[in-house]
Amino acid sequence: MADLLSEILDKPIAYISPDLETYKATLAQAGVPDMYIGISVAFGEAIKQGEFDVEGSDLEVFLGRLSTDLKDFLKAIYGA
């Protein structure tokens, strides 16, 4: 997403992925309860491992139309 935004905005947008302990500490400092920190960490790890990289048409079936491409959506929101 950072790469797409960099392209759309014509300026560098950095993506920073904190280490696990920094992520946990940041959530705790923001007042997130431990249970939810654990859930967030688990989802983050699953995403990192590609567990959600599944192609399918479920969203389109649910919406009753084609979904919007991420780049097209970001252009509509942030583009000129």
PDB file of N, CA and C in Angstrom:
ATOM      1  N   MET A   1       0.819  -1.176   0.000  1.00  0.00           N
ATOM      2  CA  MET A   1       0.000   0.000   0.000  1.00  0.00           C
ATOM      3  C   MET A   1       0.871   1.249   0.000  1.00  0.00           C
ATOM      4  N   ALA A   2       1.961   1.208   0.751  1.00  0.00           N
ATOM      5  CA  ALA A   2       2.868   2.360   0.779  1.00  0.00           C
ATOM      6  C   ALA A   2       3.443   2.620  -0.605  1.00  0.00           C
ATOM      7  N   ASP A   3       3.770   1.567  -1.331  1.00  0.00           N
ATOM      8  CA  ASP A   3       4.294   1.734  -2.690  1.00  0.00           C
ATOM      9  C   ASP A   3       3.244   2.351  -3.612  1.00  0.00           C
ATOM     10  N   LEU A   4       2.007   1.888  -3.502  1.00  0.00           N
ATOM     11  CA  LEU A   4       0.935   2.452  -4.320  1.00  0.00           C
ATOM     12  C   LEU A   4       0.710   3.925  -3.990  1.00  0.00           C
ATOM     13  N   LEU A   5       0.679   4.262  -2.712  1.00  0.00           N
ATOM     14  CA  LEU A   5       0.498   5.659  -2.314  1.00  0.00           C
ATOM     15  C   LEU A   5       1.666   6.526  -2.775  1.00  0.00           C
ATOM     16  N   SER A   6       2.875   5.985  -2.706  1.00  0.00           N
ATOM     17  CA  SER A   6       4.051   6.719  -3.192  1.00  0.00           C
ATOM     18  C   SER A   6       3.891   7.051  -4.669  1.00  0.00           C
ATOM     19  N   GLU A   7       3.423   6.078  -5.434  1.00  0.00           N
ATOM     20  CA  GLU A   7       3.209   6.281  -6.864  1.00  0.00           C
ATOM     21  C   GLU A   7       2.098   7.306  -7.117  1.00  0.00           C
ATOM     22  N   ILE A   8       0.991   7.177  -6.424  1.00  0.00           N
ATOM     23  CA  ILE A   8      -0.157   8.072  -6.625  1.00  0.00           C
ATOM     24  C   ILE A   8       0.167   9.506  -6.216  1.00  0.00           C
ATOM     25  N   LEU A   9       0.854   9.662  -5.089  1.00  0.00           N
ATOM     26  CA  LEU A   9       1.156  10.993  -4.562  1.00  0.00           C
ATOM     27  C   LEU A   9       2.450  11.579  -5.104  1.00  0.00           C
ATOM     28  N   ASP A  10       3.212  10.743  -5.815  1.00  0.00           N
ATOM     29  CA  ASP A  10       4.503  11.142  -6.376  1.00  0.00           C
ATOM     30  C   ASP A  10       5.463  11.653  -5.303  1.00  0.00           C
ATOM     31  N   LYS A  11       5.416  10.967  -4.163  1.00  0.00           N
ATOM     32  CA  LYS A  11       6.379  11.254  -3.103  1.00  0.00           C
ATOM     33  C   LYS A  11       6.525   9.975  -2.279  1.00  0.00           C
ATOM     34  N   PRO A  12       7.686   9.786  -1.665  1.00  0.00           N
ATOM     35  CA  PRO A  12       7.894   8.537  -0.922  1.00  0.00           C
ATOM     36  C   PRO A  12       7.041   8.452   0.335  1.00  0.00           C
ATOM     37  N   ILE A  13       6.373   7.324   0.476  1.00  0.00           N
ATOM     38  CA  ILE A  13       5.610   7.015   1.673  1.00  0.00           C
ATOM     39  C   ILE A  13       6.274   5.785   2.288  1.00  0.00           C
ATOM     40  N   ALA A  14       6.781   5.945   3.489  1.00  0.00           N
ATOM     41  CA  ALA A  14       7.507   4.850   4.135  1.00  0.00           C
ATOM     42  C   ALA A  14       6.550   3.899   4.838  1.00  0.00           C
ATOM     43  N   TYR A  15       6.871   2.628   4.760  1.00  0.00           N
ATOM     44  CA  TYR A  15       6.160   1.614   5.530  1.00  0.00           C
ATOM     45  C   TYR A  15       7.108   1.147   6.618  1.00  0.00           C
ATOM     46  N   ILE A  16       6.685   1.257   7.856  1.00  0.00           N
ATOM     47  CA  ILE A  16       7.521   0.850   8.980  1.00  0.00           C
ATOM     48  C   ILE A  16       6.828  -0.308   9.692  1.00  0.00           C
ATOM     49  N   SER A  17       7.514  -1.415   9.756  1.00  0.00           N
ATOM     50  CA  SER A  17       6.980  -2.587  10.434  1.00  0.00           C
ATOM     51  C   SER A  17       7.788  -2.802  11.717  1.00  0.00           C
ATOM     52  N   PRO A  18       7.205  -2.457  12.857  1.00  0.00           N
ATOM     53  CA  PRO A  18       7.964  -2.580  14.106  1.00  0.00           C
ATOM     54  C   PRO A  18       8.186  -4.044  14.483  1.00  0.00           C
ATOM     55  N   ASP A  19       9.230  -4.270  15.264  1.00  0.00           N
ATOM     56  CA  ASP A  19       9.436  -5.627  15.768  1.00  0.00           C
ATOM     57  C   ASP A  19       8.295  -5.952  16.739  1.00  0.00           C
ATOM     58  N   LEU A  20       8.137  -7.216  17.035  1.00  0.00           N
ATOM     59  CA  LEU A  20       7.011  -7.697  17.825  1.00  0.00           C
ATOM     60  C   LEU A  20       6.914  -7.029  19.197  1.00  0.00           C
ATOM     61  N   GLU A  21       8.024  -6.892  19.880  1.00  0.00           N
ATOM     62  CA  GLU A  21       8.002  -6.300  21.220  1.00  0.00           C
ATOM     63  C   GLU A  21       7.628  -4.820  21.180  1.00  0.00           C
ATOM     64  N   THR A  22       8.107  -4.098  20.178  1.00  0.00           N
ATOM     65  CA  THR A  22       7.752  -2.688  20.033  1.00  0.00           C
ATOM     66  C   THR A  22       6.262  -2.549  19.741  1.00  0.00           C
ATOM     67  N   TYR A  23       5.744  -3.421  18.884  1.00  0.00           N
ATOM     68  CA  TYR A  23       4.323  -3.408  18.541  1.00  0.00           C
ATOM     69  C   TYR A  23       3.470  -3.644  19.796  1.00  0.00           C
ATOM     70  N   LYS A  24       3.831  -4.661  20.573  1.00  0.00           N
ATOM     71  CA  LYS A  24       3.092  -4.965  21.809  1.00  0.00           C
ATOM     72  C   LYS A  24       3.151  -3.787  22.785  1.00  0.00           C
ATOM     73  N   ALA A  25       4.341  -3.221  22.948  1.00  0.00           N
ATOM     74  CA  ALA A  25       4.517  -2.110  23.892  1.00  0.00           C
ATOM     75  C   ALA A  25       3.723  -0.885  23.456  1.00  0.00           C
ATOM     76  N   THR A  26       3.680  -0.622  22.162  1.00  0.00           N
ATOM     77  CA  THR A  26       2.928   0.521  21.644  1.00  0.00           C
ATOM     78  C   THR A  26       1.438   0.340  21.896  1.00  0.00           C
ATOM     79  N   LEU A  27       0.931  -0.869  21.649  1.00  0.00           N
ATOM     80  CA  LEU A  27      -0.484  -1.137  21.911  1.00  0.00           C
ATOM     81  C   LEU A  27      -0.797  -1.009  23.403  1.00  0.00           C
ATOM     82  N   ALA A  28       0.077  -1.551  24.243  1.00  0.00           N
ATOM     83  CA  ALA A  28      -0.136  -1.469  25.695  1.00  0.00           C
ATOM     84  C   ALA A  28      -0.125  -0.016  26.163  1.00  0.00           C
ATOM     85  N   GLN A  29       0.817   0.763  25.630  1.00  0.00           N
ATOM     86  CA  GLN A  29       0.919   2.179  26.003  1.00  0.00           C
ATOM     87  C   GLN A  29      -0.338   2.944  25.582  1.00  0.00           C
ATOM     88  N   ALA A  30      -0.986   2.506  24.514  1.00  0.00           N
ATOM     89  CA  ALA A  30      -2.221   3.140  24.044  1.00  0.00           C
ATOM     90  C   ALA A  30      -3.434   2.672  24.831  1.00  0.00           C
ATOM     91  N   GLY A  31      -3.218   1.755  25.792  1.00  0.00           N
ATOM     92  CA  GLY A  31      -4.309   1.307  26.647  1.00  0.00           C
ATOM     93  C   GLY A  31      -5.083   0.111  26.124  1.00  0.00           C
ATOM     94  N   VAL A  32      -4.538  -0.572  25.118  1.00  0.00           N
ATOM     95  CA  VAL A  32      -5.214  -1.751  24.579  1.00  0.00           C
ATOM     96  C   VAL A  32      -5.080  -2.892  25.593  1.00  0.00           C
ATOM     97  N   PRO A  33      -6.177  -3.535  25.958  1.00  0.00           N
ATOM     98  CA  PRO A  33      -6.113  -4.652  26.913  1.00  0.00           C
ATOM     99  C   PRO A  33      -5.271  -5.814  26.367  1.00  0.00           C
ATOM    100  N   ASP A  34      -4.616  -6.536  27.278  1.00  0.00           N
ATOM    101  CA  ASP A  34      -3.723  -7.637  26.895  1.00  0.00           C
ATOM    102  C   ASP A  34      -4.379  -8.638  25.949  1.00  0.00           C
ATOM    103  N   MET A  35      -5.643  -8.969  26.203  1.00  0.00           N
ATOM    104  CA  MET A  35      -6.337  -9.943  25.361  1.00  0.00           C
ATOM    105  C   MET A  35      -6.354  -9.476  23.903  1.00  0.00           C
ATOM    106  N   TYR A  36      -6.609  -8.194  23.687  1.00  0.00           N
ATOM    107  CA  TYR A  36      -6.690  -7.656  22.335  1.00  0.00           C
ATOM    108  C   TYR A  36      -5.309  -7.479  21.712  1.00  0.00           C
ATOM    109  N   ILE A  37      -4.314  -7.242  22.542  1.00  0.00           N
ATOM    110  CA  ILE A  37      -2.943  -7.204  22.037  1.00  0.00           C
ATOM    111  C   ILE A  37      -2.597  -8.575  21.466  1.00  0.00           C
ATOM    112  N   GLY A  38      -2.935  -9.621  22.191  1.00  0.00           N
ATOM    113  CA  GLY A  38      -2.670 -10.980  21.715  1.00  0.00           C
ATOM    114  C   GLY A  38      -3.377 -11.281  20.403  1.00  0.00           C
ATOM    115  N   ILE A  39      -4.620 -10.833  20.291  1.00  0.00           N
ATOM    116  CA  ILE A  39      -5.379 -11.048  19.063  1.00  0.00           C
ATOM    117  C   ILE A  39      -4.731 -10.281  17.910  1.00  0.00           C
ATOM    118  N   SER A  40      -4.350  -9.036  18.154  1.00  0.00           N
ATOM    119  CA  SER A  40      -3.706  -8.228  17.113  1.00  0.00           C
ATOM    120  C   SER A  40      -2.392  -8.843  16.656  1.00  0.00           C
ATOM    121  N   VAL A  41      -1.619  -9.331  17.612  1.00  0.00           N
ATOM    122  CA  VAL A  41      -0.343  -9.975  17.289  1.00  0.00           C
ATOM    123  C   VAL A  41      -0.586 -11.238  16.462  1.00  0.00           C
ATOM    124  N   ALA A  42      -1.578 -12.022  16.846  1.00  0.00           N
ATOM    125  CA  ALA A  42      -1.882 -13.257  16.107  1.00  0.00           C
ATOM    126  C   ALA A  42      -2.312 -12.954  14.674  1.00  0.00           C
ATOM    127  N   PHE A  43      -3.168 -11.953  14.505  1.00  0.00           N
ATOM    128  CA  PHE A  43      -3.583 -11.574  13.145  1.00  0.00           C
ATOM    129  C   PHE A  43      -2.396 -11.058  12.342  1.00  0.00           C
ATOM    130  N   GLY A  44      -1.566 -10.249  12.960  1.00  0.00           N
ATOM    131  CA  GLY A  44      -0.384  -9.732  12.268  1.00  0.00           C
ATOM    132  C   GLY A  44       0.537 -10.842  11.800  1.00  0.00           C
ATOM    133  N   GLU A  45       0.757 -11.818  12.657  1.00  0.00           N
ATOM    134  CA  GLU A  45       1.607 -12.961  12.289  1.00  0.00           C
ATOM    135  C   GLU A  45       0.968 -13.778  11.173  1.00  0.00           C
ATOM    136  N   ALA A  46      -0.338 -13.974  11.229  1.00  0.00           N
ATOM    137  CA  ALA A  46      -1.034 -14.730  10.177  1.00  0.00           C
ATOM    138  C   ALA A  46      -0.924 -14.007   8.838  1.00  0.00           C
ATOM    139  N   ILE A  47      -1.073 -12.694   8.862  1.00  0.00           N
ATOM    140  CA  ILE A  47      -0.935 -11.900   7.636  1.00  0.00           C
ATOM    141  C   ILE A  47       0.493 -12.016   7.113  1.00  0.00           C
ATOM    142  N   LYS A  48       1.463 -11.889   8.011  1.00  0.00           N
ATOM    143  CA  LYS A  48       2.875 -11.979   7.640  1.00  0.00           C
ATOM    144  C   LYS A  48       3.194 -13.323   6.988  1.00  0.00           C
ATOM    145  N   GLN A  49       2.552 -14.384   7.452  1.00  0.00           N
ATOM    146  CA  GLN A  49       2.795 -15.721   6.922  1.00  0.00           C
ATOM    147  C   GLN A  49       1.930 -16.049   5.704  1.00  0.00           C
ATOM    148  N   GLY A  50       1.107 -15.093   5.262  1.00  0.00           N
ATOM    149  CA  GLY A  50       0.304 -15.295   4.062  1.00  0.00           C
ATOM    150  C   GLY A  50      -0.964 -16.093   4.262  1.00  0.00           C
ATOM    151  N   GLU A  51      -1.396 -16.237   5.502  1.00  0.00           N
ATOM    152  CA  GLU A  51      -2.588 -17.037   5.790  1.00  0.00           C
ATOM    153  C   GLU A  51      -3.864 -16.475   5.154  1.00  0.00           C
ATOM    154  N   PHE A  52      -3.887 -15.184   4.878  1.00  0.00           N
ATOM    155  CA  PHE A  52      -5.083 -14.569   4.307  1.00  0.00           C
ATOM    156  C   PHE A  52      -4.945 -14.288   2.810  1.00  0.00           C
ATOM    157  N   ASP A  53      -3.855 -14.739   2.218  1.00  0.00           N
ATOM    158  CA  ASP A  53      -3.644 -14.542   0.779  1.00  0.00           C
ATOM    159  C   ASP A  53      -4.407 -15.604   0.002  1.00  0.00           C
ATOM    160  N   VAL A  54      -5.699 -15.439  -0.033  1.00  0.00           N
ATOM    161  CA  VAL A  54      -6.579 -16.410  -0.683  1.00  0.00           C
ATOM    162  C   VAL A  54      -7.406 -15.676  -1.735  1.00  0.00           C
ATOM    163  N   GLU A  55      -7.392 -16.212  -2.934  1.00  0.00           N
ATOM    164  CA  GLU A  55      -8.207 -15.611  -3.983  1.00  0.00           C
ATOM    165  C   GLU A  55      -9.580 -16.256  -3.985  1.00  0.00           C
ATOM    166  N   GLY A  56     -10.576 -15.452  -4.215  1.00  0.00           N
ATOM    167  CA  GLY A  56     -11.937 -15.957  -4.256  1.00  0.00           C
ATOM    168  C   GLY A  56     -12.892 -14.870  -4.681  1.00  0.00           C
ATOM    169  N   SER A  57     -14.116 -15.234  -4.829  1.00  0.00           N
ATOM    170  CA  SER A  57     -15.126 -14.275  -5.280  1.00  0.00           C
ATOM    171  C   SER A  57     -16.151 -13.971  -4.191  1.00  0.00           C
ATOM    172  N   ASP A  58     -15.858 -14.359  -2.955  1.00  0.00           N
ATOM    173  CA  ASP A  58     -16.820 -14.173  -1.866  1.00  0.00           C
ATOM    174  C   ASP A  58     -17.269 -12.721  -1.715  1.00  0.00           C
ATOM    175  N   LEU A  59     -16.322 -11.783  -1.762  1.00  0.00           N
ATOM    176  CA  LEU A  59     -16.678 -10.380  -1.589  1.00  0.00           C
ATOM    177  C   LEU A  59     -17.581  -9.915  -2.723  1.00  0.00           C
ATOM    178  N   GLU A  60     -17.255 -10.302  -3.935  1.00  0.00           N
ATOM    179  CA  GLU A  60     -18.078  -9.899  -5.076  1.00  0.00           C
ATOM    180  C   GLU A  60     -19.476 -10.505  -4.999  1.00  0.00           C
ATOM    181  N   VAL A  61     -19.562 -11.730  -4.539  1.00  0.00           N
ATOM    182  CA  VAL A  61     -20.874 -12.361  -4.362  1.00  0.00           C
ATOM    183  C   VAL A  61     -21.657 -11.608  -3.298  1.00  0.00           C
ATOM    184  N   PHE A  62     -21.006 -11.276  -2.200  1.00  0.00           N
ATOM    185  CA  PHE A  62     -21.655 -10.552  -1.107  1.00  0.00           C
ATOM    186  C   PHE A  62     -22.127  -9.169  -1.567  1.00  0.00           C
ATOM    187  N   LEU A  63     -21.253  -8.453  -2.312  1.00  0.00           N
ATOM    188  CA  LEU A  63     -21.592  -7.107  -2.767  1.00  0.00           C
ATOM    189  C   LEU A  63     -22.583  -7.106  -3.926  1.00  0.00           C
ATOM    190  N   GLY A  64     -22.582  -8.186  -4.697  1.00  0.00           N
ATOM    191  CA  GLY A  64     -23.419  -8.234  -5.887  1.00  0.00           C
ATOM    192  C   GLY A  64     -22.823  -7.447  -7.043  1.00  0.00           C
ATOM    193  N   ARG A  65     -21.534  -7.177  -6.962  1.00  0.00           N
ATOM    194  CA  ARG A  65     -20.811  -6.451  -8.015  1.00  0.00           C
ATOM    195  C   ARG A  65     -19.319  -6.751  -7.865  1.00  0.00           C
ATOM    196  N   LEU A  66     -18.539  -6.338  -8.852  1.00  0.00           N
ATOM    197  CA  LEU A  66     -17.091  -6.500  -8.748  1.00  0.00           C
ATOM    198  C   LEU A  66     -16.555  -5.589  -7.648  1.00  0.00           C
ATOM    199  N   SER A  67     -15.535  -6.046  -6.960  1.00  0.00           N
ATOM    200  CA  SER A  67     -14.905  -5.206  -5.948  1.00  0.00           C
ATOM    201  C   SER A  67     -13.996  -4.185  -6.631  1.00  0.00           C
ATOM    202  N   THR A  68     -13.669  -3.127  -5.921  1.00  0.00           N
ATOM    203  CA  THR A  68     -12.800  -2.078  -6.441  1.00  0.00           C
ATOM    204  C   THR A  68     -11.353  -2.462  -6.201  1.00  0.00           C
ATOM    205  N   ASP A  69     -10.538  -2.333  -7.215  1.00  0.00           N
ATOM    206  CA  ASP A  69      -9.106  -2.570  -7.104  1.00  0.00           C
ATOM    207  C   ASP A  69      -8.508  -1.575  -6.098  1.00  0.00           C
ATOM    208  N   LEU A  70      -7.572  -2.032  -5.271  1.00  0.00           N
ATOM    209  CA  LEU A  70      -6.979  -1.172  -4.241  1.00  0.00           C
ATOM    210  C   LEU A  70      -6.362   0.085  -4.842  1.00  0.00           C
ATOM    211  N   LYS A  71      -5.629  -0.073  -5.928  1.00  0.00           N
ATOM    212  CA  LYS A  71      -4.985   1.087  -6.545  1.00  0.00           C
ATOM    213  C   LYS A  71      -6.036   2.095  -7.025  1.00  0.00           C
ATOM    214  N   ASP A  72      -7.113   1.614  -7.632  1.00  0.00           N
ATOM    215  CA  ASP A  72      -8.180   2.502  -8.086  1.00  0.00           C
ATOM    216  C   ASP A  72      -8.841   3.211  -6.906  1.00  0.00           C
ATOM    217  N   PHE A  73      -9.052   2.496  -5.814  1.00  0.00           N
ATOM    218  CA  PHE A  73      -9.647   3.091  -4.617  1.00  0.00           C
ATOM    219  C   PHE A  73      -8.743   4.196  -4.057  1.00  0.00           C
ATOM    220  N   LEU A  74      -7.444   3.900  -3.932  1.00  0.00           N
ATOM    221  CA  LEU A  74      -6.515   4.882  -3.395  1.00  0.00           C
ATOM    222  C   LEU A  74      -6.405   6.101  -4.298  1.00  0.00           C
ATOM    223  N   LYS A  75      -6.438   5.876  -5.617  1.00  0.00           N
ATOM    224  CA  LYS A  75      -6.422   7.020  -6.557  1.00  0.00           C
ATOM    225  C   LYS A  75      -7.642   7.902  -6.343  1.00  0.00           C
ATOM    226  N   ALA A  76      -8.815   7.273  -6.155  1.00  0.00           N
ATOM    227  CA  ALA A  76     -10.045   8.042  -5.956  1.00  0.00           C
ATOM    228  C   ALA A  76      -9.981   8.855  -4.670  1.00  0.00           C
ATOM    229  N   ILE A  77      -9.353   8.329  -3.647  1.00  0.00           N
ATOM    230  CA  ILE A  77      -9.281   9.018  -2.359  1.00  0.00           C
ATOM    231  C   ILE A  77      -8.153  10.048  -2.325  1.00  0.00           C
ATOM    232  N   TYR A  78      -6.966   9.669  -2.813  1.00  0.00           N
ATOM    233  CA  TYR A  78      -5.771  10.514  -2.673  1.00  0.00           C
ATOM    234  C   TYR A  78      -5.272  11.135  -3.969  1.00  0.00           C
ATOM    235  N   GLY A  79      -5.768  10.669  -5.095  1.00  0.00           N
ATOM    236  CA  GLY A  79      -5.274  11.160  -6.387  1.00  0.00           C
ATOM    237  C   GLY A  79      -5.835  12.519  -6.748  1.00  0.00           C
ATOM    238  N   ALA A  80      -5.243  13.079  -7.757  1.00  0.00           N
ATOM    239  CA  ALA A  80      -5.699  14.399  -8.220  1.00  0.00           C
ATOM    240  C   ALA A  80      -6.897  14.264  -9.141  1.00  0.00           C
TER     241      ALA A  80
END
